[in-house]
């Protein structure tokens, strides 16, 4: 019958049953079990041919190269041995202790045959009482199987541990002391040593990995709850600064404008991709309702924008002036928003007019506001040269709204002077630096939410052309105090106006290429937005549901 069975084709449970039927150790992974069963089957074949036990070791070593082709098992013999082995294993006769020592010096192959021969007369012997004491050598021999049991136990899958306990081969060492005899333990020790030599370093590495997994402590139940707090601190980008000084306002600025965190008096815009077409604005932290005040701004450098077309009009422009707190960040495009740009034009509420001389890199602009006169007068200087009155506004029209210093830039870095330095150019007589005005005579601009939990994020969902953008525009007008930052390609294109005209009418390149650039810019704005404590509305119809969910998760963390 041994010619019919191939151990490599048996399942793990079947391999264990075959080994248990022969009184052999059934612990370990499938390759170990297959090798163990093959050795037993080869010895059975040798016994059936009448080979001597003393010469079995040499014959088994010669047959090692052919073991993949000659291995089989006899199912009927397995059933018989399944009853024989446990009874023989429990015979505690002291006179057989020398046999145990003898088997220690023999090869593992011989040991597998010994329990089978001794088990022939065993069916007539009764089982010993559970309380019967084991012989003296038990503690000494037990130390080795305990370690070798780890080898087989740790390599076995978790699903198979229950089967081992049911079959009497489980994890508890005390159970073995009560049920196993010294002879069987000695055989197990020899077999485990053989398995370790055959499996080599791979088996030992598997032991360590499995052991580390089994001993890994369970994570604390609050571990995941504490993670958002750590991430919140890590991603927050809200620097602390002296709120009693006049400076560039970190909150009342475009995300795409990078403000210096050292003194909050200089800034430069992002220029990659579609940002090269965008206007980037910022207001000062304080506004004014009375007095005669001024500030200075200097055009520091032109940022490289190689992606812009040659036909692009005015790729580098700076615009300075004044605006109320409720106006948009693009200076000169809203009511009560007054600016003077490098093209020599002044603008308010999207209406442009020729005003003064052009200016550019290295020039210093003076922005003057006379709130003592009626009407309110705004004028500008370039490198100390007065350009005349730009705008006059009635006090009744302005009401109690304060006017704030305001700068907007396109691919140009700049620096401002609110009074922290001596005047860069001779100012007009009778005017005072905005930073020198007493704190009680200033008006603080809108403040950011005190905590991240207080900020709002609105995600627009709906079909294209369903009116989402119209709803967003109306909602922002109705809630000016919340300073919603609208994130979307439409809002980006709206910041690309040329002299107040829509970009689409003044674009020489491919429109679809510009939309693609805007999409990349939007992704960058989303990355920046996650770190800011602001109110946002995401209005992007082509954003997938998964992308929208990911955005909300980023803000919630």
Foldseek 3Di string as FASTA:
>chain_A
DFQPAQLVPDDLVVLLLQQLLLLEASFADSVLSNVVQLLLQVVVVCVVVPDDLVCVVVVSVVCVVVSNNRGGDDVVSSVVSNVQQLQLQQDQDPVCVVVLVVVLPDALSSLSVVSVVSSVVRVVDDHDDLVDAHDPCVVVLLVQVLVLNLLRHLRDDPVCQVVCVVVQNHNDSVSCNRRGHSSSSSSHSNSSVVSCVVVDPVSVVSSVVSVCVVPPDDDDPCPVVCVVVVVLVVQADDDDDDLLFKAWDPFQWDLQWAADPPGRFKIFGDQPFLLLLFKIKTWIQWFFQAFKAKKKKAFADFADHVVADPLDPCSWKKKKEKAFLLDHRQAQCEARGWIAMQVQWIHHVLDIDHFFHHDHHGKMKMWIWHNPDAFIWIWMDIQQHTRDTDDTDGCVVCPRTTMTIMMMIRRTMMGMGQPPDPDPHDDDPRYYRNRPDDSVRIGGHQDFDPDLVPAAEAEDEDAPPPCPVVVVVVVCVVCSSQVEDEQELVVRQVRSDDSSHGVVVVGDDDPVSSSVSSVVVSVVSLSSVLNYRGYYYYDYHVQDPVNVVVSVVSSVD
